[in-house]
Amino acid sequence: MLKRKLGTSGLEVSNVGLGCMGMSRSYGAADRNECLATLREAVDTGVTFFDTAEVYGPFDNEELLGEALEGVRGKVVIATKFGFRIDPTRKPSVTGLDSRPEHIREVCDAALKRLRTDVIDLFYQHRVDPAVPIEDVAGTVSGLIAEGKVRYFGLSEAGADTIRRAHAVQPVSVVQSEYSLWERDPEAAILPTLEELGIGFVAYSPLGRGFLTGAVNLDTTFEQGDARAVNPRFSAEHRKQNIALVESVSAIAAERGVTPSQLAIAWVLAQKPWIVPIPGTRRSARLHENTAAGQIQLTPQELAKIRALIESFVIAGDRYAPSAMAMLDRSKAA
């Protein structure tokens, strides 16, 4: 697989990573043995970038990666996250945000044990905590870097002003946000800010939680535990409008001789050389389909056609339920 540098920090990873959340939550029950096999196959395929978080499960996902990657730890980059208050005895287990310095340290130490490693390659703040100054968060992670427990600092779903404030205390290596053919909000303020500061960008949900693959249609029903059942964009009402985008994307993909998933991933890769998408999957076939997209070079004509298409569509529905939307940082000052 090809490699990419995430900004100017020196962090280099495969140009397509693997988002591991779905192996433990959000998409219904998963077969653990299948997930372990897919993770190990990803390494054999050349994937070096794996994304997890304590809240995935909670905790189960980090343990899964720790088991799967222990024997190849020196070959891979593992990203995990802090920032939630979690009560595993409750459902839902997340009871709020928590980026207090002492909590960040607790999460770091626990994650190191679950991941079976002595250092976290990339440690993200999962969501900005308005109760804790971002300068305190950055300073705490800076201390963990100095202690050798963390290599790089990242932010997830942070606004431009927050990024700048954090970066002034401890260089931010990577910002992660949702970015895809049907979610382009980062283009307005985030991507220009990152380009100016030399920060890499990781695009999660580059396949629109499976919607852009073409596998979801108007008759699709979601099993118990699948977060898409309460996601506004997947509601029956909004799906009627949004499905037209998938149909048009699928037509362009067919012209090129690739799958809709591959076109969606290749489009994200084409936007900037310091962007890395992390599509998630549990299955070997999907893994190979997704990673093969890293070899696809879209022509300027194809990119112009896709851009015109997506800008002509109005996507119906928020990308999260109201409670999750409320946790997104809106500090958009560039």
C-alpha atoms as a PDB file:
ATOM      1  CA  MET A   1       0.000   0.000   0.000  1.00  0.00           C
ATOM      2  CA  LEU A   2       1.003   3.595  -0.545  1.00  0.00           C
ATOM      3  CA  LYS A   3       1.991   5.755   2.420  1.00  0.00           C
ATOM      4  CA  ARG A   4       1.051   9.298   3.368  1.00  0.00           C
ATOM      5  CA  LYS A   5       2.429  11.815   5.848  1.00  0.00           C
ATOM      6  CA  LEU A   6      -0.189  13.299   8.134  1.00  0.00           C
ATOM      7  CA  GLY A   7       0.913  16.917   8.052  1.00  0.00           C
ATOM      8  CA  THR A   8       4.406  17.993   8.985  1.00  0.00           C
ATOM      9  CA  SER A   9       4.748  16.194  12.322  1.00  0.00           C
ATOM     10  CA  GLY A  10       6.527  13.188  10.829  1.00  0.00           C
ATOM     11  CA  LEU A  11       3.654  10.754  11.322  1.00  0.00           C
ATOM     12  CA  GLU A  12       3.458   8.470   8.264  1.00  0.00           C
ATOM     13  CA  VAL A  13       0.769   5.834   7.722  1.00  0.00           C
ATOM     14  CA  SER A  14      -0.834   3.764   4.964  1.00  0.00           C
ATOM     15  CA  ASN A  15      -2.946   5.998   2.751  1.00  0.00           C
ATOM     16  CA  VAL A  16      -6.058   4.066   3.751  1.00  0.00           C
ATOM     17  CA  GLY A  17      -6.439   3.180   7.417  1.00  0.00           C
ATOM     18  CA  LEU A  18      -8.940   0.996   9.257  1.00  0.00           C
ATOM     19  CA  GLY A  19     -11.628   2.450  11.498  1.00  0.00           C
ATOM     20  CA  CYS A  20     -12.341  -0.211  14.104  1.00  0.00           C
ATOM     21  CA  MET A  21     -15.401   1.154  15.930  1.00  0.00           C
ATOM     22  CA  GLY A  22     -17.870  -1.091  14.097  1.00  0.00           C
ATOM     23  CA  MET A  23     -16.125  -4.165  15.430  1.00  0.00           C
ATOM     24  CA  SER A  24     -17.455  -3.350  18.886  1.00  0.00           C
ATOM     25  CA  ARG A  25     -20.440  -1.002  18.585  1.00  0.00           C
ATOM     26  CA  SER A  26     -22.845   1.036  16.445  1.00  0.00           C
ATOM     27  CA  TYR A  27     -23.576  -1.573  13.748  1.00  0.00           C
ATOM     28  CA  GLY A  28     -25.104  -4.462  15.665  1.00  0.00           C
ATOM     29  CA  ALA A  29     -23.477  -7.625  16.944  1.00  0.00           C
ATOM     30  CA  ALA A  30     -20.038  -8.580  15.612  1.00  0.00           C
ATOM     31  CA  ASP A  31     -18.216 -11.900  15.505  1.00  0.00           C
ATOM     32  CA  ARG A  32     -15.048 -11.394  17.534  1.00  0.00           C
ATOM     33  CA  ASN A  33     -13.050 -14.090  15.752  1.00  0.00           C
ATOM     34  CA  GLU A  34     -13.948 -12.612  12.379  1.00  0.00           C
ATOM     35  CA  CYS A  35     -12.842  -9.178  13.584  1.00  0.00           C
ATOM     36  CA  LEU A  36      -9.527 -10.531  14.862  1.00  0.00           C
ATOM     37  CA  ALA A  37      -8.929 -12.228  11.522  1.00  0.00           C
ATOM     38  CA  THR A  38      -9.763  -9.040   9.603  1.00  0.00           C
ATOM     39  CA  LEU A  39      -7.415  -6.961  11.739  1.00  0.00           C
ATOM     40  CA  ARG A  40      -4.542  -9.373  11.148  1.00  0.00           C
ATOM     41  CA  GLU A  41      -5.360  -9.579   7.456  1.00  0.00           C
ATOM     42  CA  ALA A  42      -5.284  -5.781   7.301  1.00  0.00           C
ATOM     43  CA  VAL A  43      -1.694  -5.831   8.532  1.00  0.00           C
ATOM     44  CA  ASP A  44      -0.774  -8.447   5.921  1.00  0.00           C
ATOM     45  CA  THR A  45      -2.423  -6.260   3.273  1.00  0.00           C
ATOM     46  CA  GLY A  46      -0.260  -3.293   4.237  1.00  0.00           C
ATOM     47  CA  VAL A  47      -2.573  -1.278   6.460  1.00  0.00           C
ATOM     48  CA  THR A  48      -0.504   0.414   9.153  1.00  0.00           C
ATOM     49  CA  PHE A  49      -3.077   2.791  10.673  1.00  0.00           C
ATOM     50  CA  PHE A  50      -5.731   1.565  13.123  1.00  0.00           C
ATOM     51  CA  ASP A  51      -8.287   3.796  14.841  1.00  0.00           C
ATOM     52  CA  THR A  52     -10.009   2.959  18.120  1.00  0.00           C
ATOM     53  CA  ALA A  53     -11.271   4.668  21.313  1.00  0.00           C
ATOM     54  CA  GLU A  54     -12.022   3.757  24.906  1.00  0.00           C
ATOM     55  CA  VAL A  55     -15.711   4.485  24.322  1.00  0.00           C
ATOM     56  CA  TYR A  56     -16.010   1.841  21.587  1.00  0.00           C
ATOM     57  CA  GLY A  57     -17.595  -0.977  23.504  1.00  0.00           C
ATOM     58  CA  PRO A  58     -16.783   0.661  25.872  1.00  0.00           C
ATOM     59  CA  PHE A  59     -13.247  -0.652  26.249  1.00  0.00           C
ATOM     60  CA  ASP A  60     -13.800  -3.807  24.164  1.00  0.00           C
ATOM     61  CA  ASN A  61     -12.387  -2.310  20.987  1.00  0.00           C
ATOM     62  CA  GLU A  62      -9.047  -1.372  22.537  1.00  0.00           C
ATOM     63  CA  GLU A  63      -8.785  -4.874  23.985  1.00  0.00           C
ATOM     64  CA  LEU A  64      -9.549  -6.360  20.571  1.00  0.00           C
ATOM     65  CA  LEU A  65      -6.793  -4.325  18.923  1.00  0.00           C
ATOM     66  CA  GLY A  66      -4.389  -5.124  21.710  1.00  0.00           C
ATOM     67  CA  GLU A  67      -4.881  -8.827  21.128  1.00  0.00           C
ATOM     68  CA  ALA A  68      -4.818  -8.631  17.325  1.00  0.00           C
ATOM     69  CA  LEU A  69      -1.804  -6.370  16.941  1.00  0.00           C
ATOM     70  CA  GLU A  70       0.427  -7.387  19.841  1.00  0.00           C
ATOM     71  CA  GLY A  71       2.727  -9.448  17.653  1.00  0.00           C
ATOM     72  CA  VAL A  72       3.151  -6.743  15.020  1.00  0.00           C
ATOM     73  CA  ARG A  73       3.178  -3.667  17.244  1.00  0.00           C
ATOM     74  CA  GLY A  74       6.299  -2.217  15.650  1.00  0.00           C
ATOM     75  CA  LYS A  75       4.685  -2.234  12.202  1.00  0.00           C
ATOM     76  CA  VAL A  76       1.497  -0.322  13.019  1.00  0.00           C
ATOM     77  CA  VAL A  77       0.264   3.055  14.232  1.00  0.00           C
ATOM     78  CA  ILE A  78      -2.555   2.912  16.777  1.00  0.00           C
ATOM     79  CA  ALA A  79      -4.769   5.912  17.462  1.00  0.00           C
ATOM     80  CA  THR A  80      -7.098   5.998  20.450  1.00  0.00           C
ATOM     81  CA  LYS A  81      -9.120   8.684  22.206  1.00  0.00           C
ATOM     82  CA  PHE A  82     -10.118  10.216  25.518  1.00  0.00           C
ATOM     83  CA  GLY A  83     -12.744  12.735  26.505  1.00  0.00           C
ATOM     84  CA  PHE A  84     -15.907  10.971  27.663  1.00  0.00           C
ATOM     85  CA  ARG A  85     -17.226  10.127  31.106  1.00  0.00           C
ATOM     86  CA  ILE A  86     -18.152   6.451  30.928  1.00  0.00           C
ATOM     87  CA  ASP A  87     -20.218   4.247  33.225  1.00  0.00           C
ATOM     88  CA  PRO A  88     -20.048   0.716  31.745  1.00  0.00           C
ATOM     89  CA  THR A  89     -22.904  -0.449  34.029  1.00  0.00           C
ATOM     90  CA  ARG A  90     -25.345   1.847  32.235  1.00  0.00           C
ATOM     91  CA  LYS A  91     -26.882   1.976  28.766  1.00  0.00           C
ATOM     92  CA  PRO A  92     -25.991   4.251  27.164  1.00  0.00           C
ATOM     93  CA  SER A  93     -22.618   4.095  28.909  1.00  0.00           C
ATOM     94  CA  VAL A  94     -21.558   7.656  28.059  1.00  0.00           C
ATOM     95  CA  THR A  95     -22.765  10.015  30.750  1.00  0.00           C
ATOM     96  CA  GLY A  96     -21.036  13.179  29.553  1.00  0.00           C
ATOM     97  CA  LEU A  97     -17.768  14.776  28.521  1.00  0.00           C
ATOM     98  CA  ASP A  98     -14.660  14.669  30.705  1.00  0.00           C
ATOM     99  CA  SER A  99     -11.290  16.078  29.652  1.00  0.00           C
ATOM    100  CA  ARG A 100     -10.029  16.999  33.100  1.00  0.00           C
ATOM    101  CA  PRO A 101      -6.242  16.513  33.215  1.00  0.00           C
ATOM    102  CA  GLU A 102      -6.446  13.800  35.849  1.00  0.00           C
ATOM    103  CA  HIS A 103      -9.011  11.917  33.787  1.00  0.00           C
ATOM    104  CA  ILE A 104      -6.888  12.143  30.624  1.00  0.00           C
ATOM    105  CA  ARG A 105      -4.040  10.529  32.526  1.00  0.00           C
ATOM    106  CA  GLU A 106      -6.299   7.778  33.862  1.00  0.00           C
ATOM    107  CA  VAL A 107      -7.591   7.018  30.371  1.00  0.00           C
ATOM    108  CA  CYS A 108      -4.065   6.939  28.968  1.00  0.00           C
ATOM    109  CA  ASP A 109      -2.810   4.442  31.534  1.00  0.00           C
ATOM    110  CA  ALA A 110      -5.859   2.203  31.102  1.00  0.00           C
ATOM    111  CA  ALA A 111      -5.595   2.322  27.305  1.00  0.00           C
ATOM    112  CA  LEU A 112      -1.929   1.324  27.401  1.00  0.00           C
ATOM    113  CA  LYS A 113      -2.879  -1.835  29.290  1.00  0.00           C
ATOM    114  CA  ARG A 114      -5.793  -2.707  27.023  1.00  0.00           C
ATOM    115  CA  LEU A 115      -3.717  -2.101  23.890  1.00  0.00           C
ATOM    116  CA  ARG A 116      -0.838  -4.183  25.313  1.00  0.00           C
ATOM    117  CA  THR A 117       1.694  -1.502  24.501  1.00  0.00           C
ATOM    118  CA  ASP A 118       3.961   0.974  26.239  1.00  0.00           C
ATOM    119  CA  VAL A 119       3.106   3.952  24.033  1.00  0.00           C
ATOM    120  CA  ILE A 120       0.024   5.328  22.262  1.00  0.00           C
ATOM    121  CA  ASP A 121       1.017   6.547  18.810  1.00  0.00           C
ATOM    122  CA  LEU A 122      -1.786   9.105  18.420  1.00  0.00           C
ATOM    123  CA  PHE A 123      -3.944  10.290  21.327  1.00  0.00           C
ATOM    124  CA  TYR A 124      -7.030  12.269  20.328  1.00  0.00           C
ATOM    125  CA  GLN A 125      -9.410  14.323  22.392  1.00  0.00           C
ATOM    126  CA  HIS A 126     -12.598  12.628  21.194  1.00  0.00           C
ATOM    127  CA  ARG A 127     -14.855  15.640  21.694  1.00  0.00           C
ATOM    128  CA  VAL A 128     -14.039  19.144  22.880  1.00  0.00           C
ATOM    129  CA  ASP A 129     -15.061  19.616  26.520  1.00  0.00           C
ATOM    130  CA  PRO A 130     -16.359  23.171  27.069  1.00  0.00           C
ATOM    131  CA  ALA A 131     -15.805  22.792  30.821  1.00  0.00           C
ATOM    132  CA  VAL A 132     -12.029  22.349  30.425  1.00  0.00           C
ATOM    133  CA  PRO A 133      -9.836  24.936  28.636  1.00  0.00           C
ATOM    134  CA  ILE A 134      -8.264  23.368  25.579  1.00  0.00           C
ATOM    135  CA  GLU A 135      -4.924  24.772  26.754  1.00  0.00           C
ATOM    136  CA  ASP A 136      -5.148  22.493  29.814  1.00  0.00           C
ATOM    137  CA  VAL A 137      -5.927  19.506  27.601  1.00  0.00           C
ATOM    138  CA  ALA A 138      -3.007  20.236  25.278  1.00  0.00           C
ATOM    139  CA  GLY A 139      -0.698  20.772  28.241  1.00  0.00           C
ATOM    140  CA  THR A 140      -1.671  17.444  29.768  1.00  0.00           C
ATOM    141  CA  VAL A 141      -1.031  15.544  26.527  1.00  0.00           C
ATOM    142  CA  SER A 142       2.251  17.431  26.185  1.00  0.00           C
ATOM    143  CA  GLY A 143       3.248  15.995  29.552  1.00  0.00           C
ATOM    144  CA  LEU A 144       2.311  12.487  28.439  1.00  0.00           C
ATOM    145  CA  ILE A 145       4.449  12.943  25.330  1.00  0.00           C
ATOM    146  CA  ALA A 146       7.373  14.074  27.477  1.00  0.00           C
ATOM    147  CA  GLU A 147       6.928  10.951  29.624  1.00  0.00           C
ATOM    148  CA  GLY A 148       7.019   8.691  26.567  1.00  0.00           C
ATOM    149  CA  LYS A 149       3.448   7.428  26.958  1.00  0.00           C
ATOM    150  CA  VAL A 150       2.141   9.211  23.843  1.00  0.00           C
ATOM    151  CA  ARG A 151       3.827  10.126  20.540  1.00  0.00           C
ATOM    152  CA  TYR A 152       1.396  12.501  18.820  1.00  0.00           C
ATOM    153  CA  PHE A 153      -1.539  14.705  19.870  1.00  0.00           C
ATOM    154  CA  GLY A 154      -4.804  14.830  17.952  1.00  0.00           C
ATOM    155  CA  LEU A 155      -8.238  16.445  18.111  1.00  0.00           C
ATOM    156  CA  SER A 156     -11.518  14.996  16.885  1.00  0.00           C
ATOM    157  CA  GLU A 157     -14.394  17.182  15.647  1.00  0.00           C
ATOM    158  CA  ALA A 158     -12.662  20.341  16.882  1.00  0.00           C
ATOM    159  CA  GLY A 159     -13.420  23.774  15.478  1.00  0.00           C
ATOM    160  CA  ALA A 160     -10.796  26.013  13.897  1.00  0.00           C
ATOM    161  CA  ASP A 161     -10.393  28.305  16.901  1.00  0.00           C
ATOM    162  CA  THR A 162      -9.961  25.338  19.252  1.00  0.00           C
ATOM    163  CA  ILE A 163      -7.344  23.850  16.939  1.00  0.00           C
ATOM    164  CA  ARG A 164      -5.328  27.058  16.946  1.00  0.00           C
ATOM    165  CA  ARG A 165      -5.466  27.425  20.721  1.00  0.00           C
ATOM    166  CA  ALA A 166      -4.397  23.826  21.298  1.00  0.00           C
ATOM    167  CA  HIS A 167      -1.659  24.008  18.678  1.00  0.00           C
ATOM    168  CA  ALA A 168      -0.113  27.014  20.434  1.00  0.00           C
ATOM    169  CA  VAL A 169       0.470  24.881  23.554  1.00  0.00           C
ATOM    170  CA  GLN A 170       1.285  21.467  22.067  1.00  0.00           C
ATOM    171  CA  PRO A 171       1.576  20.955  18.301  1.00  0.00           C
ATOM    172  CA  VAL A 172      -1.496  19.161  17.017  1.00  0.00           C
ATOM    173  CA  SER A 173      -0.397  16.465  14.585  1.00  0.00           C
ATOM    174  CA  VAL A 174      -3.801  15.335  13.336  1.00  0.00           C
ATOM    175  CA  VAL A 175      -7.426  16.453  13.349  1.00  0.00           C
ATOM    176  CA  GLN A 176     -10.118  13.857  12.728  1.00  0.00           C
ATOM    177  CA  SER A 177     -13.614  14.703  11.520  1.00  0.00           C
ATOM    178  CA  GLU A 178     -16.337  13.149   9.434  1.00  0.00           C
ATOM    179  CA  TYR A 179     -15.676  13.855   5.756  1.00  0.00           C
ATOM    180  CA  SER A 180     -17.142  12.274   2.649  1.00  0.00           C
ATOM    181  CA  LEU A 181     -19.134  12.883  -0.492  1.00  0.00           C
ATOM    182  CA  TRP A 182     -22.172  13.638   1.666  1.00  0.00           C
ATOM    183  CA  GLU A 183     -20.467  15.456   4.566  1.00  0.00           C
ATOM    184  CA  ARG A 184     -18.171  18.276   3.465  1.00  0.00           C
ATOM    185  CA  ASP A 185     -18.393  20.680   6.397  1.00  0.00           C
ATOM    186  CA  PRO A 186     -14.598  20.555   7.061  1.00  0.00           C
ATOM    187  CA  GLU A 187     -13.951  22.232   3.710  1.00  0.00           C
ATOM    188  CA  ALA A 188     -15.149  25.631   4.948  1.00  0.00           C
ATOM    189  CA  ALA A 189     -12.787  26.369   7.840  1.00  0.00           C
ATOM    190  CA  ILE A 190     -11.056  23.208   9.055  1.00  0.00           C
ATOM    191  CA  LEU A 191      -9.073  22.103   6.017  1.00  0.00           C
ATOM    192  CA  PRO A 192      -7.705  25.623   5.302  1.00  0.00           C
ATOM    193  CA  THR A 193      -6.643  25.935   8.945  1.00  0.00           C
ATOM    194  CA  LEU A 194      -4.893  22.571   8.900  1.00  0.00           C
ATOM    195  CA  GLU A 195      -3.093  23.374   5.655  1.00  0.00           C
ATOM    196  CA  GLU A 196      -1.820  26.637   7.148  1.00  0.00           C
ATOM    197  CA  LEU A 197      -0.602  24.959  10.342  1.00  0.00           C
ATOM    198  CA  GLY A 198       0.825  21.788   8.776  1.00  0.00           C
ATOM    199  CA  ILE A 199      -1.643  19.467  10.515  1.00  0.00           C
ATOM    200  CA  GLY A 200      -2.817  16.198   8.974  1.00  0.00           C
ATOM    201  CA  PHE A 201      -6.476  15.252   8.560  1.00  0.00           C
ATOM    202  CA  VAL A 202      -8.120  11.872   9.127  1.00  0.00           C
ATOM    203  CA  ALA A 203     -11.521  11.398   7.506  1.00  0.00           C
ATOM    204  CA  TYR A 204     -13.799   9.070   9.409  1.00  0.00           C
ATOM    205  CA  SER A 205     -16.997   7.649   7.889  1.00  0.00           C
ATOM    206  CA  PRO A 206     -15.723   8.261   4.328  1.00  0.00           C
ATOM    207  CA  LEU A 207     -18.436   5.830   3.192  1.00  0.00           C
ATOM    208  CA  GLY A 208     -21.222   7.649   5.015  1.00  0.00           C
ATOM    209  CA  ARG A 209     -21.728   4.829   7.548  1.00  0.00           C
ATOM    210  CA  GLY A 210     -22.269   2.463   4.653  1.00  0.00           C
ATOM    211  CA  PHE A 211     -24.759   4.649   2.800  1.00  0.00           C
ATOM    212  CA  LEU A 212     -22.358   5.554  -0.001  1.00  0.00           C
ATOM    213  CA  THR A 213     -21.596   1.897  -0.708  1.00  0.00           C
ATOM    214  CA  GLY A 214     -25.022   1.431  -2.268  1.00  0.00           C
ATOM    215  CA  ALA A 215     -25.814  -1.333   0.211  1.00  0.00           C
ATOM    216  CA  VAL A 216     -28.554   0.733   1.897  1.00  0.00           C
ATOM    217  CA  ASN A 217     -31.816   1.223   0.035  1.00  0.00           C
ATOM    218  CA  LEU A 218     -35.341   2.395   0.805  1.00  0.00           C
ATOM    219  CA  ASP A 219     -36.307  -1.061   2.097  1.00  0.00           C
ATOM    220  CA  THR A 220     -33.302  -1.544   4.398  1.00  0.00           C
ATOM    221  CA  THR A 221     -34.041  -2.173   8.072  1.00  0.00           C
ATOM    222  CA  PHE A 222     -31.405  -1.958  10.790  1.00  0.00           C
ATOM    223  CA  GLU A 223     -30.903  -4.570  13.465  1.00  0.00           C
ATOM    224  CA  GLN A 224     -31.012  -3.887  17.176  1.00  0.00           C
ATOM    225  CA  GLY A 225     -27.898  -2.016  18.288  1.00  0.00           C
ATOM    226  CA  ASP A 226     -27.339  -0.385  14.898  1.00  0.00           C
ATOM    227  CA  ALA A 227     -26.961   3.358  15.464  1.00  0.00           C
ATOM    228  CA  ARG A 228     -28.249   4.111  11.985  1.00  0.00           C
ATOM    229  CA  ALA A 229     -31.748   3.235  13.188  1.00  0.00           C
ATOM    230  CA  VAL A 230     -31.840   6.591  15.013  1.00  0.00           C
ATOM    231  CA  ASN A 231     -29.576   8.545  12.668  1.00  0.00           C
ATOM    232  CA  PRO A 232     -31.574  11.327  10.973  1.00  0.00           C
ATOM    233  CA  ARG A 233     -29.954  10.815   7.559  1.00  0.00           C
ATOM    234  CA  PHE A 234     -31.073   7.188   7.554  1.00  0.00           C
ATOM    235  CA  SER A 235     -34.697   7.877   8.422  1.00  0.00           C
ATOM    236  CA  ALA A 236     -37.207   6.663   5.853  1.00  0.00           C
ATOM    237  CA  GLU A 237     -38.172  10.241   5.047  1.00  0.00           C
ATOM    238  CA  HIS A 238     -34.622  11.513   4.487  1.00  0.00           C
ATOM    239  CA  ARG A 239     -33.446   8.356   2.751  1.00  0.00           C
ATOM    240  CA  LYS A 240     -35.838   9.083  -0.120  1.00  0.00           C
ATOM    241  CA  GLN A 241     -33.922  12.283  -0.879  1.00  0.00           C
ATOM    242  CA  ASN A 242     -30.414  11.062  -0.055  1.00  0.00           C
ATOM    243  CA  ILE A 243     -30.607   7.869  -2.113  1.00  0.00           C
ATOM    244  CA  ALA A 244     -30.456   9.930  -5.292  1.00  0.00           C
ATOM    245  CA  LEU A 245     -26.877  10.939  -4.490  1.00  0.00           C
ATOM    246  CA  VAL A 246     -25.841   7.303  -4.117  1.00  0.00           C
ATOM    247  CA  GLU A 247     -27.465   6.410  -7.421  1.00  0.00           C
ATOM    248  CA  SER A 248     -25.542   9.175  -9.201  1.00  0.00           C
ATOM    249  CA  VAL A 249     -22.252   8.255  -7.518  1.00  0.00           C
ATOM    250  CA  SER A 250     -22.810   4.614  -8.463  1.00  0.00           C
ATOM    251  CA  ALA A 251     -23.270   5.617 -12.090  1.00  0.00           C
ATOM    252  CA  ILE A 252     -19.952   7.488 -12.144  1.00  0.00           C
ATOM    253  CA  ALA A 253     -18.241   4.537 -10.438  1.00  0.00           C
ATOM    254  CA  ALA A 254     -19.602   2.162 -13.075  1.00  0.00           C
ATOM    255  CA  GLU A 255     -18.202   4.377 -15.827  1.00  0.00           C
ATOM    256  CA  ARG A 256     -14.782   4.168 -14.197  1.00  0.00           C
ATOM    257  CA  GLY A 257     -15.032   0.437 -13.522  1.00  0.00           C
ATOM    258  CA  VAL A 258     -14.795   0.710  -9.732  1.00  0.00           C
ATOM    259  CA  THR A 259     -17.266   0.215  -6.902  1.00  0.00           C
ATOM    260  CA  PRO A 260     -19.141   3.134  -5.310  1.00  0.00           C
ATOM    261  CA  SER A 261     -17.103   2.568  -2.136  1.00  0.00           C
ATOM    262  CA  GLN A 262     -13.835   2.821  -4.021  1.00  0.00           C
ATOM    263  CA  LEU A 263     -14.936   5.985  -5.781  1.00  0.00           C
ATOM    264  CA  ALA A 264     -15.927   7.560  -2.453  1.00  0.00           C
ATOM    265  CA  ILE A 265     -12.578   6.715  -0.833  1.00  0.00           C
ATOM    266  CA  ALA A 266     -10.559   7.790  -3.880  1.00  0.00           C
ATOM    267  CA  TRP A 267     -12.413  11.109  -3.884  1.00  0.00           C
ATOM    268  CA  VAL A 268     -11.433  11.785  -0.262  1.00  0.00           C
ATOM    269  CA  LEU A 269      -7.811  10.906  -1.020  1.00  0.00           C
ATOM    270  CA  ALA A 270      -7.791  13.275  -3.995  1.00  0.00           C
ATOM    271  CA  GLN A 271      -8.738  16.330  -1.951  1.00  0.00           C
ATOM    272  CA  LYS A 272      -5.367  16.839  -0.197  1.00  0.00           C
ATOM    273  CA  PRO A 273      -2.143  14.784  -0.015  1.00  0.00           C
ATOM    274  CA  TRP A 274      -2.231  14.958   3.799  1.00  0.00           C
ATOM    275  CA  ILE A 275      -5.706  13.417   4.192  1.00  0.00           C
ATOM    276  CA  VAL A 276      -6.111   9.760   5.179  1.00  0.00           C
ATOM    277  CA  PRO A 277      -9.554   8.081   5.206  1.00  0.00           C
ATOM    278  CA  ILE A 278     -10.306   5.334   7.714  1.00  0.00           C
ATOM    279  CA  PRO A 279     -13.236   3.290   6.382  1.00  0.00           C
ATOM    280  CA  GLY A 280     -14.444   0.664   8.796  1.00  0.00           C
ATOM    281  CA  THR A 281     -15.312  -2.946   8.121  1.00  0.00           C
ATOM    282  CA  ARG A 282     -15.411  -6.328   9.815  1.00  0.00           C
ATOM    283  CA  ARG A 283     -15.141  -8.343   6.622  1.00  0.00           C
ATOM    284  CA  SER A 284     -12.184  -9.469   4.539  1.00  0.00           C
ATOM    285  CA  ALA A 285     -13.830  -8.734   1.180  1.00  0.00           C
ATOM    286  CA  ARG A 286     -14.715  -5.176   2.159  1.00  0.00           C
ATOM    287  CA  LEU A 287     -11.211  -4.662   3.556  1.00  0.00           C
ATOM    288  CA  HIS A 288      -9.640  -5.505   0.217  1.00  0.00           C
ATOM    289  CA  GLU A 289     -12.194  -3.444  -1.681  1.00  0.00           C
ATOM    290  CA  ASN A 290     -11.485  -0.411   0.483  1.00  0.00           C
ATOM    291  CA  THR A 291      -7.711  -0.658   0.495  1.00  0.00           C
ATOM    292  CA  ALA A 292      -7.645  -1.103  -3.285  1.00  0.00           C
ATOM    293  CA  ALA A 293      -9.165   2.364  -3.524  1.00  0.00           C
ATOM    294  CA  GLY A 294      -5.831   3.736  -2.365  1.00  0.00           C
ATOM    295  CA  GLN A 295      -4.419   2.941  -5.807  1.00  0.00           C
ATOM    296  CA  ILE A 296      -7.117   4.779  -7.772  1.00  0.00           C
ATOM    297  CA  GLN A 297      -6.135   8.121  -9.293  1.00  0.00           C
ATOM    298  CA  LEU A 298      -9.170  10.138 -10.340  1.00  0.00           C
ATOM    299  CA  THR A 299      -8.643  12.453 -13.319  1.00  0.00           C
ATOM    300  CA  PRO A 300      -9.273  16.207 -13.116  1.00  0.00           C
ATOM    301  CA  GLN A 301     -12.307  15.669 -15.343  1.00  0.00           C
ATOM    302  CA  GLU A 302     -13.700  12.982 -13.038  1.00  0.00           C
ATOM    303  CA  LEU A 303     -13.093  15.135  -9.973  1.00  0.00           C
ATOM    304  CA  ALA A 304     -14.833  18.092 -11.605  1.00  0.00           C
ATOM    305  CA  LYS A 305     -17.809  15.903 -12.499  1.00  0.00           C
ATOM    306  CA  ILE A 306     -18.068  14.555  -8.957  1.00  0.00           C
ATOM    307  CA  ARG A 307     -17.728  18.034  -7.443  1.00  0.00           C
ATOM    308  CA  ALA A 308     -20.505  19.378  -9.627  1.00  0.00           C
ATOM    309  CA  LEU A 309     -22.674  16.435  -8.647  1.00  0.00           C
ATOM    310  CA  ILE A 310     -22.271  16.687  -4.889  1.00  0.00           C
ATOM    311  CA  GLU A 311     -22.668  20.457  -4.890  1.00  0.00           C
ATOM    312  CA  SER A 312     -25.979  20.085  -6.705  1.00  0.00           C
ATOM    313  CA  PHE A 313     -27.430  17.898  -3.932  1.00  0.00           C
ATOM    314  CA  VAL A 314     -28.910  19.019  -0.623  1.00  0.00           C
ATOM    315  CA  ILE A 315     -28.424  16.257   1.924  1.00  0.00           C
ATOM    316  CA  ALA A 316     -31.434  15.700   4.151  1.00  0.00           C
ATOM    317  CA  GLY A 317     -30.998  15.243   7.896  1.00  0.00           C
ATOM    318  CA  ASP A 318     -28.274  15.894  10.456  1.00  0.00           C
ATOM    319  CA  ARG A 319     -25.396  13.428  10.595  1.00  0.00           C
ATOM    320  CA  TYR A 320     -26.059  12.574  14.249  1.00  0.00           C
ATOM    321  CA  ALA A 321     -28.997  12.455  16.627  1.00  0.00           C
ATOM    322  CA  PRO A 322     -29.546  15.748  18.556  1.00  0.00           C
ATOM    323  CA  SER A 323     -27.671  14.627  21.690  1.00  0.00           C
ATOM    324  CA  ALA A 324     -24.544  13.802  19.670  1.00  0.00           C
ATOM    325  CA  MET A 325     -24.836  16.937  17.527  1.00  0.00           C
ATOM    326  CA  ALA A 326     -24.759  18.972  20.741  1.00  0.00           C
ATOM    327  CA  MET A 327     -21.274  17.621  21.502  1.00  0.00           C
ATOM    328  CA  LEU A 328     -19.712  18.971  18.292  1.00  0.00           C
ATOM    329  CA  ASP A 329     -17.378  21.964  18.622  1.00  0.00           C
ATOM    330  CA  ARG A 330     -18.649  24.989  16.745  1.00  0.00           C
ATOM    331  CA  SER A 331     -15.603  27.265  17.130  1.00  0.00           C
ATOM    332  CA  LYS A 332     -15.305  27.921  13.427  1.00  0.00           C
ATOM    333  CA  ALA A 333     -13.198  31.100  13.412  1.00  0.00           C
ATOM    334  CA  ALA A 334     -10.423  30.617  10.884  1.00  0.00           C
END
